[in-house]
Amino acid sequence: MVKFLRDICSKCHQEEEEYFIQVKDYIRAHPGASIGEVAGNVGIAVKRVEHFVNSGRLERAGVHITHECQTCGLIISDGIICPKCSTGLQTQVDSLKKSISDEKPKQPQTAADKDKSKDKSKKGKDDEGLHIGKNKK
């Protein structure tokens, strides 16, 4: 038996699929329809149509509908953000990557750290730097 992981029950999933097919078919039959028009004519909530758009399912199915860029609100027909916002986000990511790579973690050495490094260099030696024997009494 194959088990599918969904965050909704099978009945709700089937209902969702039926709505998706209706939305997809309506948009194909009425190119240029708005999200509100699609929702009204199919008989579902605008939020559900927006969910289909934002999830990318309609675009993957070859159906395009005009909608708002999730960043700036510009009307677009592909993706979830407009090219200008995409470029801006990529610039910010590149800038952050560069600033992270330019920063070298330099921690000031405290007196305790200096003492620890001295202790490591003296391991197995007495105060005069001579090796200490295992059986020293």
C-alpha atoms as a PDB file:
ATOM      1  CA  MET A   1       0.000   0.000   0.000  1.00  0.00           C
ATOM      2  CA  VAL A   2       1.334   3.431  -0.949  1.00  0.00           C
ATOM      3  CA  LYS A   3       0.789   6.206   1.551  1.00  0.00           C
ATOM      4  CA  PHE A   4       0.785   9.836   0.409  1.00  0.00           C
ATOM      5  CA  LEU A   5       1.660  12.643   2.769  1.00  0.00           C
ATOM      6  CA  ARG A   6      -0.822  15.502   2.628  1.00  0.00           C
ATOM      7  CA  ASP A   7      -1.911  18.064   5.133  1.00  0.00           C
ATOM      8  CA  ILE A   8      -5.552  17.495   4.157  1.00  0.00           C
ATOM      9  CA  CYS A   9      -7.757  14.408   4.148  1.00  0.00           C
ATOM     10  CA  SER A  10      -8.464  12.428   0.975  1.00  0.00           C
ATOM     11  CA  LYS A  11     -11.978  13.852   0.642  1.00  0.00           C
ATOM     12  CA  CYS A  12     -10.720  17.459   0.871  1.00  0.00           C
ATOM     13  CA  HIS A  13      -7.836  16.652  -1.491  1.00  0.00           C
ATOM     14  CA  GLN A  14     -10.289  15.323  -4.074  1.00  0.00           C
ATOM     15  CA  GLU A  15     -12.407  18.473  -3.708  1.00  0.00           C
ATOM     16  CA  GLU A  16      -9.299  20.622  -4.106  1.00  0.00           C
ATOM     17  CA  GLU A  17      -8.345  18.753  -7.292  1.00  0.00           C
ATOM     18  CA  GLU A  18     -11.819  19.248  -8.748  1.00  0.00           C
ATOM     19  CA  TYR A  19     -11.628  23.004  -8.053  1.00  0.00           C
ATOM     20  CA  PHE A  20      -8.153  23.136  -9.559  1.00  0.00           C
ATOM     21  CA  ILE A  21      -9.367  21.480 -12.778  1.00  0.00           C
ATOM     22  CA  GLN A  22     -12.331  23.874 -12.972  1.00  0.00           C
ATOM     23  CA  VAL A  23     -10.049  26.902 -12.475  1.00  0.00           C
ATOM     24  CA  LYS A  24      -7.545  25.619 -15.029  1.00  0.00           C
ATOM     25  CA  ASP A  25     -10.255  24.924 -17.599  1.00  0.00           C
ATOM     26  CA  TYR A  26     -11.891  28.328 -17.051  1.00  0.00           C
ATOM     27  CA  ILE A  27      -8.607  30.198 -17.509  1.00  0.00           C
ATOM     28  CA  ARG A  28      -7.839  28.240 -20.687  1.00  0.00           C
ATOM     29  CA  ALA A  29     -11.300  29.051 -22.042  1.00  0.00           C
ATOM     30  CA  HIS A  30     -11.081  32.718 -20.948  1.00  0.00           C
ATOM     31  CA  PRO A  31      -7.480  33.961 -21.366  1.00  0.00           C
ATOM     32  CA  GLY A  32      -6.904  37.262 -19.611  1.00  0.00           C
ATOM     33  CA  ALA A  33      -9.522  36.618 -16.922  1.00  0.00           C
ATOM     34  CA  SER A  34      -8.773  38.137 -13.539  1.00  0.00           C
ATOM     35  CA  ILE A  35      -8.516  36.118 -10.338  1.00  0.00           C
ATOM     36  CA  GLY A  36     -11.791  37.630  -9.112  1.00  0.00           C
ATOM     37  CA  GLU A  37     -13.541  36.774 -12.367  1.00  0.00           C
ATOM     38  CA  VAL A  38     -12.278  33.194 -12.237  1.00  0.00           C
ATOM     39  CA  ALA A  39     -13.344  32.788  -8.601  1.00  0.00           C
ATOM     40  CA  GLY A  40     -16.787  34.231  -9.259  1.00  0.00           C
ATOM     41  CA  ASN A  41     -17.491  32.099 -12.321  1.00  0.00           C
ATOM     42  CA  VAL A  42     -16.138  28.877 -10.850  1.00  0.00           C
ATOM     43  CA  GLY A  43     -17.905  29.522  -7.539  1.00  0.00           C
ATOM     44  CA  ILE A  44     -14.936  29.408  -5.174  1.00  0.00           C
ATOM     45  CA  ALA A  45     -13.188  31.903  -2.911  1.00  0.00           C
ATOM     46  CA  VAL A  46     -10.630  34.313  -4.381  1.00  0.00           C
ATOM     47  CA  LYS A  47      -8.127  33.038  -1.790  1.00  0.00           C
ATOM     48  CA  ARG A  48      -8.358  29.528  -3.231  1.00  0.00           C
ATOM     49  CA  VAL A  49      -7.587  30.778  -6.760  1.00  0.00           C
ATOM     50  CA  GLU A  50      -4.702  32.853  -5.317  1.00  0.00           C
ATOM     51  CA  HIS A  51      -3.435  29.700  -3.610  1.00  0.00           C
ATOM     52  CA  PHE A  52      -3.380  27.871  -6.960  1.00  0.00           C
ATOM     53  CA  VAL A  53      -1.508  30.792  -8.525  1.00  0.00           C
ATOM     54  CA  ASN A  54       0.983  31.244  -5.664  1.00  0.00           C
ATOM     55  CA  SER A  55       1.711  27.520  -5.397  1.00  0.00           C
ATOM     56  CA  GLY A  56       2.785  27.502  -9.048  1.00  0.00           C
ATOM     57  CA  ARG A  57       0.407  24.669  -9.949  1.00  0.00           C
ATOM     58  CA  LEU A  58      -1.381  26.656 -12.657  1.00  0.00           C
ATOM     59  CA  GLU A  59       1.881  27.779 -14.227  1.00  0.00           C
ATOM     60  CA  ARG A  60       3.234  24.211 -14.191  1.00  0.00           C
ATOM     61  CA  ALA A  61       0.013  23.137 -15.906  1.00  0.00           C
ATOM     62  CA  GLY A  62       0.709  25.661 -18.671  1.00  0.00           C
ATOM     63  CA  VAL A  63      -1.974  28.103 -17.554  1.00  0.00           C
ATOM     64  CA  HIS A  64      -1.124  31.754 -16.934  1.00  0.00           C
ATOM     65  CA  ILE A  65      -3.227  34.343 -15.161  1.00  0.00           C
ATOM     66  CA  THR A  66      -2.338  37.885 -14.231  1.00  0.00           C
ATOM     67  CA  HIS A  67      -1.709  38.364 -10.517  1.00  0.00           C
ATOM     68  CA  GLU A  68       0.194  40.621  -8.137  1.00  0.00           C
ATOM     69  CA  CYS A  69       3.917  40.318  -7.419  1.00  0.00           C
ATOM     70  CA  GLN A  70       4.151  39.105  -3.828  1.00  0.00           C
ATOM     71  CA  THR A  71       6.783  41.740  -3.060  1.00  0.00           C
ATOM     72  CA  CYS A  72       5.703  44.993  -4.698  1.00  0.00           C
ATOM     73  CA  GLY A  73       2.176  44.360  -6.001  1.00  0.00           C
ATOM     74  CA  LEU A  74       2.996  44.902  -9.691  1.00  0.00           C
ATOM     75  CA  ILE A  75       0.710  42.934 -12.010  1.00  0.00           C
ATOM     76  CA  ILE A  76       2.579  39.950 -13.520  1.00  0.00           C
ATOM     77  CA  SER A  77       1.608  36.801 -15.391  1.00  0.00           C
ATOM     78  CA  ASP A  78       4.513  34.466 -14.579  1.00  0.00           C
ATOM     79  CA  GLY A  79       6.141  33.443 -11.316  1.00  0.00           C
ATOM     80  CA  ILE A  80       5.361  34.895  -7.919  1.00  0.00           C
ATOM     81  CA  ILE A  81       7.608  37.976  -8.008  1.00  0.00           C
ATOM     82  CA  CYS A  82       8.321  40.432 -10.811  1.00  0.00           C
ATOM     83  CA  PRO A  83      11.703  40.556 -12.597  1.00  0.00           C
ATOM     84  CA  LYS A  84      12.647  43.836 -10.849  1.00  0.00           C
ATOM     85  CA  CYS A  85      12.029  42.362  -7.374  1.00  0.00           C
ATOM     86  CA  SER A  86      13.795  39.150  -8.370  1.00  0.00           C
ATOM     87  CA  THR A  87      16.862  41.128  -9.430  1.00  0.00           C
ATOM     88  CA  GLY A  88      16.728  43.165  -6.222  1.00  0.00           C
ATOM     89  CA  LEU A  89      16.520  40.045  -4.068  1.00  0.00           C
ATOM     90  CA  GLN A  90      19.403  38.422  -5.937  1.00  0.00           C
ATOM     91  CA  THR A  91      21.507  41.572  -5.433  1.00  0.00           C
ATOM     92  CA  GLN A  92      20.774  41.476  -1.698  1.00  0.00           C
ATOM     93  CA  VAL A  93      21.657  37.776  -1.480  1.00  0.00           C
ATOM     94  CA  ASP A  94      24.920  38.335  -3.366  1.00  0.00           C
ATOM     95  CA  SER A  95      25.772  41.275  -1.101  1.00  0.00           C
ATOM     96  CA  LEU A  96      25.114  39.214   2.033  1.00  0.00           C
ATOM     97  CA  LYS A  97      27.203  36.328   0.707  1.00  0.00           C
ATOM     98  CA  LYS A  98      30.068  38.703  -0.020  1.00  0.00           C
ATOM     99  CA  SER A  99      29.902  40.357   3.402  1.00  0.00           C
ATOM    100  CA  ILE A 100      29.890  36.958   5.100  1.00  0.00           C
ATOM    101  CA  SER A 101      32.865  35.711   3.096  1.00  0.00           C
ATOM    102  CA  ASP A 102      34.774  38.978   3.690  1.00  0.00           C
ATOM    103  CA  GLU A 103      34.384  38.737   7.447  1.00  0.00           C
ATOM    104  CA  LYS A 104      37.091  36.626   8.976  1.00  0.00           C
ATOM    105  CA  PRO A 105      36.232  35.546  12.503  1.00  0.00           C
ATOM    106  CA  LYS A 106      38.937  37.341  14.474  1.00  0.00           C
ATOM    107  CA  GLN A 107      38.594  36.876  18.185  1.00  0.00           C
ATOM    108  CA  PRO A 108      40.878  38.839  20.459  1.00  0.00           C
ATOM    109  CA  GLN A 109      43.076  36.593  22.528  1.00  0.00           C
ATOM    110  CA  THR A 110      42.432  37.001  26.245  1.00  0.00           C
ATOM    111  CA  ALA A 111      45.008  36.532  28.983  1.00  0.00           C
ATOM    112  CA  ALA A 112      43.400  33.188  29.844  1.00  0.00           C
ATOM    113  CA  ASP A 113      43.759  32.049  26.218  1.00  0.00           C
ATOM    114  CA  LYS A 114      47.446  33.047  26.256  1.00  0.00           C
ATOM    115  CA  ASP A 115      47.991  31.076  29.467  1.00  0.00           C
ATOM    116  CA  LYS A 116      46.302  28.020  27.928  1.00  0.00           C
ATOM    117  CA  SER A 117      48.579  28.164  24.895  1.00  0.00           C
ATOM    118  CA  LYS A 118      51.618  28.401  27.207  1.00  0.00           C
ATOM    119  CA  ASP A 119      50.345  25.420  29.192  1.00  0.00           C
ATOM    120  CA  LYS A 120      50.030  23.373  25.996  1.00  0.00           C
ATOM    121  CA  SER A 121      53.593  24.163  24.989  1.00  0.00           C
ATOM    122  CA  LYS A 122      54.823  23.115  28.458  1.00  0.00           C
ATOM    123  CA  LYS A 123      52.931  19.817  28.490  1.00  0.00           C
ATOM    124  CA  GLY A 124      55.198  17.097  29.830  1.00  0.00           C
ATOM    125  CA  LYS A 125      57.831  19.646  30.969  1.00  0.00           C
ATOM    126  CA  ASP A 126      58.688  21.138  34.324  1.00  0.00           C
ATOM    127  CA  ASP A 127      59.052  24.865  35.051  1.00  0.00           C
ATOM    128  CA  GLU A 128      62.540  24.942  33.547  1.00  0.00           C
ATOM    129  CA  GLY A 129      61.310  23.316  30.350  1.00  0.00           C
ATOM    130  CA  LEU A 130      62.827  19.916  31.123  1.00  0.00           C
ATOM    131  CA  HIS A 131      60.877  16.765  30.370  1.00  0.00           C
ATOM    132  CA  ILE A 132      59.162  15.284  33.360  1.00  0.00           C
ATOM    133  CA  GLY A 133      59.554  11.551  33.818  1.00  0.00           C
ATOM    134  CA  LYS A 134      56.555   9.345  34.446  1.00  0.00           C
ATOM    135  CA  ASN A 135      57.937   7.866  37.665  1.00  0.00           C
ATOM    136  CA  LYS A 136      59.129  11.083  39.268  1.00  0.00           C
ATOM    137  CA  LYS A 137      58.878  10.899  43.043  1.00  0.00           C
END
